[in-house]
Amino acid sequence: MNKKQTLKTTLKREFFDAIYRGEKTEEYRDLSDFWMSRLLVKEADGSYSFEKFREYDTIVFRNGYNPDSPTMEVEWKGTRILEYLDEPKDAFERYGFVIDLGKVLKIENYKP
């Protein structure tokens, strides 16, 4: 049996609430070294393939850093790269990750 793959990250309360209510179905992340290491497949030469995404089953969002902070486990639907056309063509910020979210599977320590 394969072990379930889960990505864990923090999230501001307003976005946490919107995901819980089903209003937010995408999460955006910078195209940074940190997020590339978590969302892209690393090639044998150490580079990242922008066409091969790591696979997860779920993503766990935490609203805060305390052990009793609200947490929510959400179905992972996939990852893609988005081009922000309002940014200059040579800007690092022109591209970013989009994580497509499914249904909320579990929630703890949360009071809407």
PDB file of N, CA and C in Angstrom:
ATOM      1  N   MET A   1       0.845  -1.186   0.000  1.00  0.00           N
ATOM      2  CA  MET A   1       0.000   0.000   0.000  1.00  0.00           C
ATOM      3  C   MET A   1       0.885   1.241   0.000  1.00  0.00           C
ATOM      4  N   ASN A   2       0.598   2.190  -0.866  1.00  0.00           N
ATOM      5  CA  ASN A   2       1.380   3.412  -0.957  1.00  0.00           C
ATOM      6  C   ASN A   2       1.021   4.370   0.169  1.00  0.00           C
ATOM      7  N   LYS A   3       2.040   5.054   0.669  1.00  0.00           N
ATOM      8  CA  LYS A   3       1.823   6.044   1.704  1.00  0.00           C
ATOM      9  C   LYS A   3       1.195   7.285   1.077  1.00  0.00           C
ATOM     10  N   LYS A   4       0.224   7.867   1.768  1.00  0.00           N
ATOM     11  CA  LYS A   4      -0.432   9.072   1.281  1.00  0.00           C
ATOM     12  C   LYS A   4       0.565  10.231   1.280  1.00  0.00           C
ATOM     13  N   GLN A   5       0.620  10.968   0.183  1.00  0.00           N
ATOM     14  CA  GLN A   5       1.516  12.117   0.051  1.00  0.00           C
ATOM     15  C   GLN A   5       0.747  13.392   0.407  1.00  0.00           C
ATOM     16  N   THR A   6       1.267  14.125   1.396  1.00  0.00           N
ATOM     17  CA  THR A   6       0.608  15.335   1.872  1.00  0.00           C
ATOM     18  C   THR A   6       1.585  16.496   1.886  1.00  0.00           C
ATOM     19  N   LEU A   7       1.168  17.620   1.349  1.00  0.00           N
ATOM     20  CA  LEU A   7       1.932  18.861   1.432  1.00  0.00           C
ATOM     21  C   LEU A   7       1.336  19.683   2.561  1.00  0.00           C
ATOM     22  N   LYS A   8       2.187  20.265   3.398  1.00  0.00           N
ATOM     23  CA  LYS A   8       1.720  21.089   4.516  1.00  0.00           C
ATOM     24  C   LYS A   8       2.223  22.511   4.341  1.00  0.00           C
ATOM     25  N   THR A   9       1.323  23.473   4.612  1.00  0.00           N
ATOM     26  CA  THR A   9       1.693  24.883   4.509  1.00  0.00           C
ATOM     27  C   THR A   9       0.764  25.736   5.366  1.00  0.00           C
ATOM     28  N   THR A  10       1.183  26.959   5.628  1.00  0.00           N
ATOM     29  CA  THR A  10       0.356  27.888   6.396  1.00  0.00           C
ATOM     30  C   THR A  10      -0.457  28.759   5.442  1.00  0.00           C
ATOM     31  N   LEU A  11      -1.494  29.365   6.012  1.00  0.00           N
ATOM     32  CA  LEU A  11      -2.417  30.153   5.204  1.00  0.00           C
ATOM     33  C   LEU A  11      -3.045  31.233   6.076  1.00  0.00           C
ATOM     34  N   LYS A  12      -3.223  32.435   5.524  1.00  0.00           N
ATOM     35  CA  LYS A  12      -3.899  33.514   6.240  1.00  0.00           C
ATOM     36  C   LYS A  12      -5.357  33.142   6.474  1.00  0.00           C
ATOM     37  N   ARG A  13      -5.944  33.696   7.536  1.00  0.00           N
ATOM     38  CA  ARG A  13      -7.306  33.352   7.937  1.00  0.00           C
ATOM     39  C   ARG A  13      -8.335  33.618   6.830  1.00  0.00           C
ATOM     40  N   GLU A  14      -8.216  34.752   6.146  1.00  0.00           N
ATOM     41  CA  GLU A  14      -9.220  35.069   5.120  1.00  0.00           C
ATOM     42  C   GLU A  14      -9.248  34.011   4.014  1.00  0.00           C
ATOM     43  N   PHE A  15      -8.090  33.485   3.638  1.00  0.00           N
ATOM     44  CA  PHE A  15      -8.025  32.463   2.594  1.00  0.00           C
ATOM     45  C   PHE A  15      -8.446  31.096   3.141  1.00  0.00           C
ATOM     46  N   PHE A  16      -8.093  30.825   4.394  1.00  0.00           N
ATOM     47  CA  PHE A  16      -8.512  29.599   5.075  1.00  0.00           C
ATOM     48  C   PHE A  16     -10.044  29.530   5.081  1.00  0.00           C
ATOM     49  N   ASP A  17     -10.673  30.637   5.497  1.00  0.00           N
ATOM     50  CA  ASP A  17     -12.139  30.702   5.539  1.00  0.00           C
ATOM     51  C   ASP A  17     -12.755  30.506   4.155  1.00  0.00           C
ATOM     52  N   ALA A  18     -12.165  31.135   3.140  1.00  0.00           N
ATOM     53  CA  ALA A  18     -12.712  31.050   1.778  1.00  0.00           C
ATOM     54  C   ALA A  18     -12.632  29.623   1.230  1.00  0.00           C
ATOM     55  N   ILE A  19     -11.554  28.918   1.530  1.00  0.00           N
ATOM     56  CA  ILE A  19     -11.435  27.516   1.101  1.00  0.00           C
ATOM     57  C   ILE A  19     -12.475  26.673   1.827  1.00  0.00           C
ATOM     58  N   TYR A  20     -12.622  26.889   3.120  1.00  0.00           N
ATOM     59  CA  TYR A  20     -13.605  26.149   3.914  1.00  0.00           C
ATOM     60  C   TYR A  20     -15.019  26.337   3.346  1.00  0.00           C
ATOM     61  N   ARG A  21     -15.352  27.559   2.964  1.00  0.00           N
ATOM     62  CA  ARG A  21     -16.688  27.851   2.424  1.00  0.00           C
ATOM     63  C   ARG A  21     -16.858  27.392   0.977  1.00  0.00           C
ATOM     64  N   GLY A  22     -15.778  26.951   0.332  1.00  0.00           N
ATOM     65  CA  GLY A  22     -15.859  26.504  -1.055  1.00  0.00           C
ATOM     66  C   GLY A  22     -15.763  27.629  -2.068  1.00  0.00           C
ATOM     67  N   GLU A  23     -15.417  28.830  -1.619  1.00  0.00           N
ATOM     68  CA  GLU A  23     -15.323  29.990  -2.503  1.00  0.00           C
ATOM     69  C   GLU A  23     -13.967  30.080  -3.200  1.00  0.00           C
ATOM     70  N   LYS A  24     -12.958  29.465  -2.622  1.00  0.00           N
ATOM     71  CA  LYS A  24     -11.595  29.526  -3.172  1.00  0.00           C
ATOM     72  C   LYS A  24     -11.179  28.112  -3.540  1.00  0.00           C
ATOM     73  N   THR A  25     -10.968  27.869  -4.823  1.00  0.00           N
ATOM     74  CA  THR A  25     -10.634  26.520  -5.293  1.00  0.00           C
ATOM     75  C   THR A  25      -9.224  26.440  -5.874  1.00  0.00           C
ATOM     76  N   GLU A  26      -8.481  27.534  -5.755  1.00  0.00           N
ATOM     77  CA  GLU A  26      -7.095  27.570  -6.223  1.00  0.00           C
ATOM     78  C   GLU A  26      -6.247  28.280  -5.174  1.00  0.00           C
ATOM     79  N   GLU A  27      -5.038  27.803  -4.998  1.00  0.00           N
ATOM     80  CA  GLU A  27      -4.081  28.455  -4.109  1.00  0.00           C
ATOM     81  C   GLU A  27      -2.870  28.829  -4.946  1.00  0.00           C
ATOM     82  N   TYR A  28      -2.384  30.037  -4.772  1.00  0.00           N
ATOM     83  CA  TYR A  28      -1.286  30.567  -5.578  1.00  0.00           C
ATOM     84  C   TYR A  28      -0.003  30.633  -4.760  1.00  0.00           C
ATOM     85  N   ARG A  29       1.109  30.265  -5.392  1.00  0.00           N
ATOM     86  CA  ARG A  29       2.422  30.321  -4.748  1.00  0.00           C
ATOM     87  C   ARG A  29       3.443  30.870  -5.733  1.00  0.00           C
ATOM     88  N   ASP A  30       4.448  31.558  -5.175  1.00  0.00           N
ATOM     89  CA  ASP A  30       5.528  32.131  -5.989  1.00  0.00           C
ATOM     90  C   ASP A  30       6.336  31.041  -6.670  1.00  0.00           C
ATOM     91  N   LEU A  31       6.932  31.393  -7.767  1.00  0.00           N
ATOM     92  CA  LEU A  31       7.842  30.493  -8.476  1.00  0.00           C
ATOM     93  C   LEU A  31       9.233  30.672  -7.855  1.00  0.00           C
ATOM     94  N   SER A  32       9.349  30.268  -6.597  1.00  0.00           N
ATOM     95  CA  SER A  32      10.589  30.424  -5.833  1.00  0.00           C
ATOM     96  C   SER A  32      11.276  29.071  -5.683  1.00  0.00           C
ATOM     97  N   ASP A  33      12.537  29.094  -5.265  1.00  0.00           N
ATOM     98  CA  ASP A  33      13.262  27.843  -5.014  1.00  0.00           C
ATOM     99  C   ASP A  33      12.512  26.975  -4.013  1.00  0.00           C
ATOM    100  N   PHE A  34      11.983  27.611  -2.967  1.00  0.00           N
ATOM    101  CA  PHE A  34      11.242  26.882  -1.934  1.00  0.00           C
ATOM    102  C   PHE A  34      10.080  26.106  -2.544  1.00  0.00           C
ATOM    103  N   TRP A  35       9.241  26.795  -3.344  1.00  0.00           N
ATOM    104  CA  TRP A  35       8.060  26.138  -3.903  1.00  0.00           C
ATOM    105  C   TRP A  35       8.397  25.210  -5.062  1.00  0.00           C
ATOM    106  N   MET A  36       9.463  25.510  -5.801  1.00  0.00           N
ATOM    107  CA  MET A  36       9.891  24.575  -6.849  1.00  0.00           C
ATOM    108  C   MET A  36      10.293  23.244  -6.225  1.00  0.00           C
ATOM    109  N   SER A  37      10.968  23.287  -5.065  1.00  0.00           N
ATOM    110  CA  SER A  37      11.408  22.048  -4.417  1.00  0.00           C
ATOM    111  C   SER A  37      10.235  21.205  -3.932  1.00  0.00           C
ATOM    112  N   ARG A  38       9.102  21.822  -3.700  1.00  0.00           N
ATOM    113  CA  ARG A  38       7.934  21.100  -3.217  1.00  0.00           C
ATOM    114  C   ARG A  38       6.944  20.719  -4.314  1.00  0.00           C
ATOM    115  N   LEU A  39       6.975  21.449  -5.414  1.00  0.00           N
ATOM    116  CA  LEU A  39       5.953  21.239  -6.437  1.00  0.00           C
ATOM    117  C   LEU A  39       6.459  20.668  -7.755  1.00  0.00           C
ATOM    118  N   LEU A  40       7.767  20.717  -7.984  1.00  0.00           N
ATOM    119  CA  LEU A  40       8.318  20.208  -9.238  1.00  0.00           C
ATOM    120  C   LEU A  40       9.183  18.973  -9.007  1.00  0.00           C
ATOM    121  N   VAL A  41       9.313  18.154 -10.040  1.00  0.00           N
ATOM    122  CA  VAL A  41      10.184  16.973 -10.006  1.00  0.00           C
ATOM    123  C   VAL A  41      11.602  17.422 -10.328  1.00  0.00           C
ATOM    124  N   LYS A  42      12.551  16.971  -9.511  1.00  0.00           N
ATOM    125  CA  LYS A  42      13.959  17.298  -9.730  1.00  0.00           C
ATOM    126  C   LYS A  42      14.572  16.255 -10.655  1.00  0.00           C
ATOM    127  N   GLU A  43      15.264  16.735 -11.673  1.00  0.00           N
ATOM    128  CA  GLU A  43      15.919  15.858 -12.644  1.00  0.00           C
ATOM    129  C   GLU A  43      17.231  15.318 -12.071  1.00  0.00           C
ATOM    130  N   ALA A  44      17.813  14.324 -12.735  1.00  0.00           N
ATOM    131  CA  ALA A  44      19.068  13.702 -12.290  1.00  0.00           C
ATOM    132  C   ALA A  44      20.207  14.713 -12.201  1.00  0.00           C
ATOM    133  N   ASP A  45      20.177  15.734 -13.054  1.00  0.00           N
ATOM    134  CA  ASP A  45      21.245  16.744 -13.038  1.00  0.00           C
ATOM    135  C   ASP A  45      21.017  17.841 -11.999  1.00  0.00           C
ATOM    136  N   GLY A  46      19.942  17.724 -11.207  1.00  0.00           N
ATOM    137  CA  GLY A  46      19.661  18.698 -10.155  1.00  0.00           C
ATOM    138  C   GLY A  46      18.755  19.835 -10.568  1.00  0.00           C
ATOM    139  N   SER A  47      18.419  19.906 -11.844  1.00  0.00           N
ATOM    140  CA  SER A  47      17.523  20.964 -12.310  1.00  0.00           C
ATOM    141  C   SER A  47      16.068  20.516 -12.131  1.00  0.00           C
ATOM    142  N   TYR A  48      15.166  21.476 -12.244  1.00  0.00           N
ATOM    143  CA  TYR A  48      13.741  21.175 -12.129  1.00  0.00           C
ATOM    144  C   TYR A  48      13.094  21.173 -13.506  1.00  0.00           C
ATOM    145  N   SER A  49      12.206  20.224 -13.709  1.00  0.00           N
ATOM    146  CA  SER A  49      11.435  20.171 -14.940  1.00  0.00           C
ATOM    147  C   SER A  49      10.148  20.959 -14.722  1.00  0.00           C
ATOM    148  N   PHE A  50       9.909  21.955 -15.550  1.00  0.00           N
ATOM    149  CA  PHE A  50       8.691  22.747 -15.424  1.00  0.00           C
ATOM    150  C   PHE A  50       7.500  22.066 -16.093  1.00  0.00           C
ATOM    151  N   GLU A  51       7.694  20.831 -16.521  1.00  0.00           N
ATOM    152  CA  GLU A  51       6.608  20.053 -17.112  1.00  0.00           C
ATOM    153  C   GLU A  51       6.253  18.837 -16.269  1.00  0.00           C
ATOM    154  N   LYS A  52       7.044  18.577 -15.209  1.00  0.00           N
ATOM    155  CA  LYS A  52       6.794  17.419 -14.344  1.00  0.00           C
ATOM    156  C   LYS A  52       6.536  17.914 -12.926  1.00  0.00           C
ATOM    157  N   PHE A  53       5.302  17.710 -12.482  1.00  0.00           N
ATOM    158  CA  PHE A  53       4.911  18.172 -11.158  1.00  0.00           C
ATOM    159  C   PHE A  53       4.888  17.016 -10.161  1.00  0.00           C
ATOM    160  N   ARG A  54       5.263  17.306  -8.925  1.00  0.00           N
ATOM    161  CA  ARG A  54       5.157  16.306  -7.871  1.00  0.00           C
ATOM    162  C   ARG A  54       3.680  16.038  -7.618  1.00  0.00           C
ATOM    163  N   GLU A  55       3.392  14.819  -7.241  1.00  0.00           N
ATOM    164  CA  GLU A  55       2.010  14.410  -6.991  1.00  0.00           C
ATOM    165  C   GLU A  55       1.751  14.331  -5.492  1.00  0.00           C
ATOM    166  N   TYR A  56       0.639  14.875  -5.075  1.00  0.00           N
ATOM    167  CA  TYR A  56       0.190  14.791  -3.690  1.00  0.00           C
ATOM    168  C   TYR A  56      -1.241  14.276  -3.680  1.00  0.00           C
ATOM    169  N   ASP A  57      -1.628  13.702  -2.556  1.00  0.00           N
ATOM    170  CA  ASP A  57      -3.016  13.286  -2.367  1.00  0.00           C
ATOM    171  C   ASP A  57      -3.825  14.407  -1.729  1.00  0.00           C
ATOM    172  N   THR A  58      -3.189  15.071  -0.757  1.00  0.00           N
ATOM    173  CA  THR A  58      -3.863  16.137  -0.025  1.00  0.00           C
ATOM    174  C   THR A  58      -2.891  17.272   0.280  1.00  0.00           C
ATOM    175  N   ILE A  59      -3.475  18.405   0.646  1.00  0.00           N
ATOM    176  CA  ILE A  59      -2.707  19.533   1.169  1.00  0.00           C
ATOM    177  C   ILE A  59      -3.331  19.902   2.510  1.00  0.00           C
ATOM    178  N   VAL A  60      -2.490  20.099   3.522  1.00  0.00           N
ATOM    179  CA  VAL A  60      -2.963  20.492   4.842  1.00  0.00           C
ATOM    180  C   VAL A  60      -2.589  21.953   5.059  1.00  0.00           C
ATOM    181  N   PHE A  61      -3.610  22.767   5.252  1.00  0.00           N
ATOM    182  CA  PHE A  61      -3.414  24.184   5.542  1.00  0.00           C
ATOM    183  C   PHE A  61      -3.512  24.391   7.046  1.00  0.00           C
ATOM    184  N   ARG A  62      -2.611  25.196   7.583  1.00  0.00           N
ATOM    185  CA  ARG A  62      -2.645  25.561   8.998  1.00  0.00           C
ATOM    186  C   ARG A  62      -2.749  27.074   9.066  1.00  0.00           C
ATOM    187  N   ASN A  63      -3.680  27.548   9.885  1.00  0.00           N
ATOM    188  CA  ASN A  63      -3.844  28.984  10.082  1.00  0.00           C
ATOM    189  C   ASN A  63      -3.156  29.373  11.389  1.00  0.00           C
ATOM    190  N   GLY A  64      -1.846  29.575  11.317  1.00  0.00           N
ATOM    191  CA  GLY A  64      -1.057  29.920  12.497  1.00  0.00           C
ATOM    192  C   GLY A  64       0.007  28.876  12.756  1.00  0.00           C
ATOM    193  N   TYR A  65       0.783  29.119  13.816  1.00  0.00           N
ATOM    194  CA  TYR A  65       1.914  28.242  14.107  1.00  0.00           C
ATOM    195  C   TYR A  65       1.780  27.498  15.430  1.00  0.00           C
ATOM    196  N   ASN A  66       0.748  27.773  16.199  1.00  0.00           N
ATOM    197  CA  ASN A  66       0.549  27.080  17.470  1.00  0.00           C
ATOM    198  C   ASN A  66       0.064  25.655  17.231  1.00  0.00           C
ATOM    199  N   PRO A  67       0.356  24.755  18.159  1.00  0.00           N
ATOM    200  CA  PRO A  67      -0.103  23.363  18.002  1.00  0.00           C
ATOM    201  C   PRO A  67      -1.623  23.237  17.878  1.00  0.00           C
ATOM    202  N   ASP A  68      -2.368  24.183  18.476  1.00  0.00           N
ATOM    203  CA  ASP A  68      -3.834  24.111  18.414  1.00  0.00           C
ATOM    204  C   ASP A  68      -4.424  25.053  17.353  1.00  0.00           C
ATOM    205  N   SER A  69      -3.611  25.492  16.409  1.00  0.00           N
ATOM    206  CA  SER A  69      -4.103  26.347  15.315  1.00  0.00           C
ATOM    207  C   SER A  69      -5.082  25.564  14.441  1.00  0.00           C
ATOM    208  N   PRO A  70      -6.033  26.257  13.822  1.00  0.00           N
ATOM    209  CA  PRO A  70      -6.952  25.574  12.916  1.00  0.00           C
ATOM    210  C   PRO A  70      -6.194  24.907  11.759  1.00  0.00           C
ATOM    211  N   THR A  71      -6.587  23.688  11.438  1.00  0.00           N
ATOM    212  CA  THR A  71      -6.003  22.971  10.306  1.00  0.00           C
ATOM    213  C   THR A  71      -7.122  22.407   9.435  1.00  0.00           C
ATOM    214  N   MET A  72      -6.817  22.291   8.161  1.00  0.00           N
ATOM    215  CA  MET A  72      -7.798  21.786   7.212  1.00  0.00           C
ATOM    216  C   MET A  72      -7.074  20.935   6.178  1.00  0.00           C
ATOM    217  N   GLU A  73      -7.556  19.720   5.991  1.00  0.00           N
ATOM    218  CA  GLU A  73      -7.008  18.835   4.963  1.00  0.00           C
ATOM    219  C   GLU A  73      -7.917  18.909   3.743  1.00  0.00           C
ATOM    220  N   VAL A  74      -7.302  19.188   2.583  1.00  0.00           N
ATOM    221  CA  VAL A  74      -8.057  19.415   1.351  1.00  0.00           C
ATOM    222  C   VAL A  74      -7.534  18.486   0.263  1.00  0.00           C
ATOM    223  N   GLU A  75      -8.435  18.010  -0.549  1.00  0.00           N
ATOM    224  CA  GLU A  75      -8.076  17.156  -1.683  1.00  0.00           C
ATOM    225  C   GLU A  75      -7.201  17.932  -2.669  1.00  0.00           C
ATOM    226  N   TRP A  76      -6.131  17.291  -3.128  1.00  0.00           N
ATOM    227  CA  TRP A  76      -5.195  17.871  -4.104  1.00  0.00           C
ATOM    228  C   TRP A  76      -5.658  17.484  -5.502  1.00  0.00           C
ATOM    229  N   LYS A  77      -5.913  18.461  -6.360  1.00  0.00           N
ATOM    230  CA  LYS A  77      -6.379  18.176  -7.718  1.00  0.00           C
ATOM    231  C   LYS A  77      -5.293  18.346  -8.774  1.00  0.00           C
ATOM    232  N   GLY A  78      -4.186  18.997  -8.416  1.00  0.00           N
ATOM    233  CA  GLY A  78      -3.105  19.165  -9.380  1.00  0.00           C
ATOM    234  C   GLY A  78      -2.405  20.500  -9.238  1.00  0.00           C
ATOM    235  N   THR A  79      -1.347  20.637 -10.016  1.00  0.00           N
ATOM    236  CA  THR A  79      -0.537  21.855 -10.019  1.00  0.00           C
ATOM    237  C   THR A  79      -0.309  22.285 -11.459  1.00  0.00           C
ATOM    238  N   ARG A  80      -0.233  23.573 -11.658  1.00  0.00           N
ATOM    239  CA  ARG A  80       0.090  24.111 -12.974  1.00  0.00           C
ATOM    240  C   ARG A  80       0.830  25.427 -12.789  1.00  0.00           C
ATOM    241  N   ILE A  81       1.405  25.904 -13.866  1.00  0.00           N
ATOM    242  CA  ILE A  81       2.104  27.187 -13.836  1.00  0.00           C
ATOM    243  C   ILE A  81       1.264  28.201 -14.596  1.00  0.00           C
ATOM    244  N   LEU A  82       1.117  29.366 -13.997  1.00  0.00           N
ATOM    245  CA  LEU A  82       0.305  30.432 -14.571  1.00  0.00           C
ATOM    246  C   LEU A  82       1.205  31.596 -14.970  1.00  0.00           C
ATOM    247  N   GLU A  83       0.933  32.174 -16.118  1.00  0.00           N
ATOM    248  CA  GLU A  83       1.656  33.368 -16.558  1.00  0.00           C
ATOM    249  C   GLU A  83       0.794  34.591 -16.257  1.00  0.00           C
ATOM    250  N   TYR A  84       1.358  35.522 -15.484  1.00  0.00           N
ATOM    251  CA  TYR A  84       0.671  36.767 -15.155  1.00  0.00           C
ATOM    252  C   TYR A  84       1.009  37.791 -16.236  1.00  0.00           C
ATOM    253  N   LEU A  85       0.089  38.035 -17.125  1.00  0.00           N
ATOM    254  CA  LEU A  85       0.350  38.878 -18.285  1.00  0.00           C
ATOM    255  C   LEU A  85       0.513  40.353 -17.935  1.00  0.00           C
ATOM    256  N   ASP A  86       0.104  40.755 -16.729  1.00  0.00           N
ATOM    257  CA  ASP A  86       0.259  42.152 -16.338  1.00  0.00           C
ATOM    258  C   ASP A  86       1.661  42.467 -15.814  1.00  0.00           C
ATOM    259  N   GLU A  87       2.515  41.454 -15.685  1.00  0.00           N
ATOM    260  CA  GLU A  87       3.901  41.652 -15.252  1.00  0.00           C
ATOM    261  C   GLU A  87       4.801  41.796 -16.481  1.00  0.00           C
ATOM    262  N   PRO A  88       5.903  42.560 -16.365  1.00  0.00           N
ATOM    263  CA  PRO A  88       6.842  42.674 -17.489  1.00  0.00           C
ATOM    264  C   PRO A  88       7.364  41.300 -17.919  1.00  0.00           C
ATOM    265  N   LYS A  89       7.644  41.146 -19.200  1.00  0.00           N
ATOM    266  CA  LYS A  89       8.068  39.845 -19.742  1.00  0.00           C
ATOM    267  C   LYS A  89       9.316  39.295 -19.081  1.00  0.00           C
ATOM    268  N   ASP A  90      10.207  40.159 -18.617  1.00  0.00           N
ATOM    269  CA  ASP A  90      11.446  39.687 -18.009  1.00  0.00           C
ATOM    270  C   ASP A  90      11.377  39.635 -16.481  1.00  0.00           C
ATOM    271  N   ALA A  91      10.214  39.868 -15.905  1.00  0.00           N
ATOM    272  CA  ALA A  91      10.070  39.877 -14.444  1.00  0.00           C
ATOM    273  C   ALA A  91       9.966  38.457 -13.897  1.00  0.00           C
ATOM    274  N   PHE A  92      10.645  38.217 -12.785  1.00  0.00           N
ATOM    275  CA  PHE A  92      10.577  36.923 -12.113  1.00  0.00           C
ATOM    276  C   PHE A  92       9.142  36.613 -11.690  1.00  0.00           C
ATOM    277  N   GLU A  93       8.402  37.658 -11.332  1.00  0.00           N
ATOM    278  CA  GLU A  93       7.030  37.501 -10.844  1.00  0.00           C
ATOM    279  C   GLU A  93       6.031  37.208 -11.961  1.00  0.00           C
ATOM    280  N   ARG A  94       6.489  37.111 -13.195  1.00  0.00           N
ATOM    281  CA  ARG A  94       5.568  36.880 -14.315  1.00  0.00           C
ATOM    282  C   ARG A  94       4.914  35.499 -14.249  1.00  0.00           C
ATOM    283  N   TYR A  95       5.547  34.561 -13.572  1.00  0.00           N
ATOM    284  CA  TYR A  95       5.016  33.199 -13.486  1.00  0.00           C
ATOM    285  C   TYR A  95       4.823  32.799 -12.029  1.00  0.00           C
ATOM    286  N   GLY A  96       3.868  31.928 -11.799  1.00  0.00           N
ATOM    287  CA  GLY A  96       3.622  31.414 -10.459  1.00  0.00           C
ATOM    288  C   GLY A  96       2.927  30.068 -10.533  1.00  0.00           C
ATOM    289  N   PHE A  97       2.890  29.394  -9.393  1.00  0.00           N
ATOM    290  CA  PHE A  97       2.216  28.100  -9.291  1.00  0.00           C
ATOM    291  C   PHE A  97       0.752  28.293  -8.928  1.00  0.00           C
ATOM    292  N   VAL A  98      -0.085  27.436  -9.476  1.00  0.00           N
ATOM    293  CA  VAL A  98      -1.485  27.347  -9.081  1.00  0.00           C
ATOM    294  C   VAL A  98      -1.711  25.924  -8.599  1.00  0.00           C
ATOM    295  N   ILE A  99      -2.207  25.788  -7.381  1.00  0.00           N
ATOM    296  CA  ILE A  99      -2.580  24.481  -6.833  1.00  0.00           C
ATOM    297  C   ILE A  99      -4.098  24.399  -6.904  1.00  0.00           C
ATOM    298  N   ASP A 100      -4.602  23.432  -7.643  1.00  0.00           N
ATOM    299  CA  ASP A 100      -6.046  23.243  -7.769  1.00  0.00           C
ATOM    300  C   ASP A 100      -6.538  22.395  -6.606  1.00  0.00           C
ATOM    301  N   LEU A 101      -7.551  22.918  -5.915  1.00  0.00           N
ATOM    302  CA  LEU A 101      -8.055  22.284  -4.700  1.00  0.00           C
ATOM    303  C   LEU A 101      -9.379  21.576  -4.943  1.00  0.00           C
ATOM    304  N   GLY A 102      -9.559  20.460  -4.257  1.00  0.00           N
ATOM    305  CA  GLY A 102     -10.813  19.724  -4.295  1.00  0.00           C
ATOM    306  C   GLY A 102     -11.620  20.006  -3.041  1.00  0.00           C
ATOM    307  N   LYS A 103     -12.292  18.980  -2.552  1.00  0.00           N
ATOM    308  CA  LYS A 103     -13.165  19.168  -1.395  1.00  0.00           C
ATOM    309  C   LYS A 103     -12.375  19.137  -0.090  1.00  0.00           C
ATOM    310  N   VAL A 104     -12.944  19.770   0.918  1.00  0.00           N
ATOM    311  CA  VAL A 104     -12.374  19.742   2.264  1.00  0.00           C
ATOM    312  C   VAL A 104     -12.659  18.363   2.844  1.00  0.00           C
ATOM    313  N   LEU A 105     -11.605  17.675   3.272  1.00  0.00           N
ATOM    314  CA  LEU A 105     -11.736  16.312   3.784  1.00  0.00           C
ATOM    315  C   LEU A 105     -11.820  16.255   5.302  1.00  0.00           C
ATOM    316  N   LYS A 106     -11.130  17.186   5.957  1.00  0.00           N
ATOM    317  CA  LYS A 106     -11.079  17.156   7.423  1.00  0.00           C
ATOM    318  C   LYS A 106     -10.727  18.551   7.923  1.00  0.00           C
ATOM    319  N   ILE A 107     -11.312  18.923   9.063  1.00  0.00           N
ATOM    320  CA  ILE A 107     -10.993  20.221   9.663  1.00  0.00           C
ATOM    321  C   ILE A 107     -10.916  20.054  11.175  1.00  0.00           C
ATOM    322  N   GLU A 108      -9.948  20.735  11.792  1.00  0.00           N
ATOM    323  CA  GLU A 108      -9.742  20.636  13.240  1.00  0.00           C
ATOM    324  C   GLU A 108      -9.487  22.014  13.829  1.00  0.00           C
ATOM    325  N   ASN A 109      -9.938  22.200  15.065  1.00  0.00           N
ATOM    326  CA  ASN A 109      -9.696  23.427  15.839  1.00  0.00           C
ATOM    327  C   ASN A 109     -10.187  24.681  15.121  1.00  0.00           C
ATOM    328  N   TYR A 110     -11.291  24.579  14.429  1.00  0.00           N
ATOM    329  CA  TYR A 110     -11.776  25.698  13.618  1.00  0.00           C
ATOM    330  C   TYR A 110     -13.161  26.115  14.055  1.00  0.00           C
ATOM    331  N   LYS A 111     -13.310  27.435  14.225  1.00  0.00           N
ATOM    332  CA  LYS A 111     -14.619  28.015  14.509  1.00  0.00           C
ATOM    333  C   LYS A 111     -14.878  29.088  13.461  1.00  0.00           C
ATOM    334  N   PRO A 112     -15.783  28.821  12.506  1.00  0.00           N
ATOM    335  CA  PRO A 112     -16.052  29.809  11.438  1.00  0.00           C
ATOM    336  C   PRO A 112     -16.611  31.119  11.982  1.00  0.00           C
TER     337      PRO A 112
END
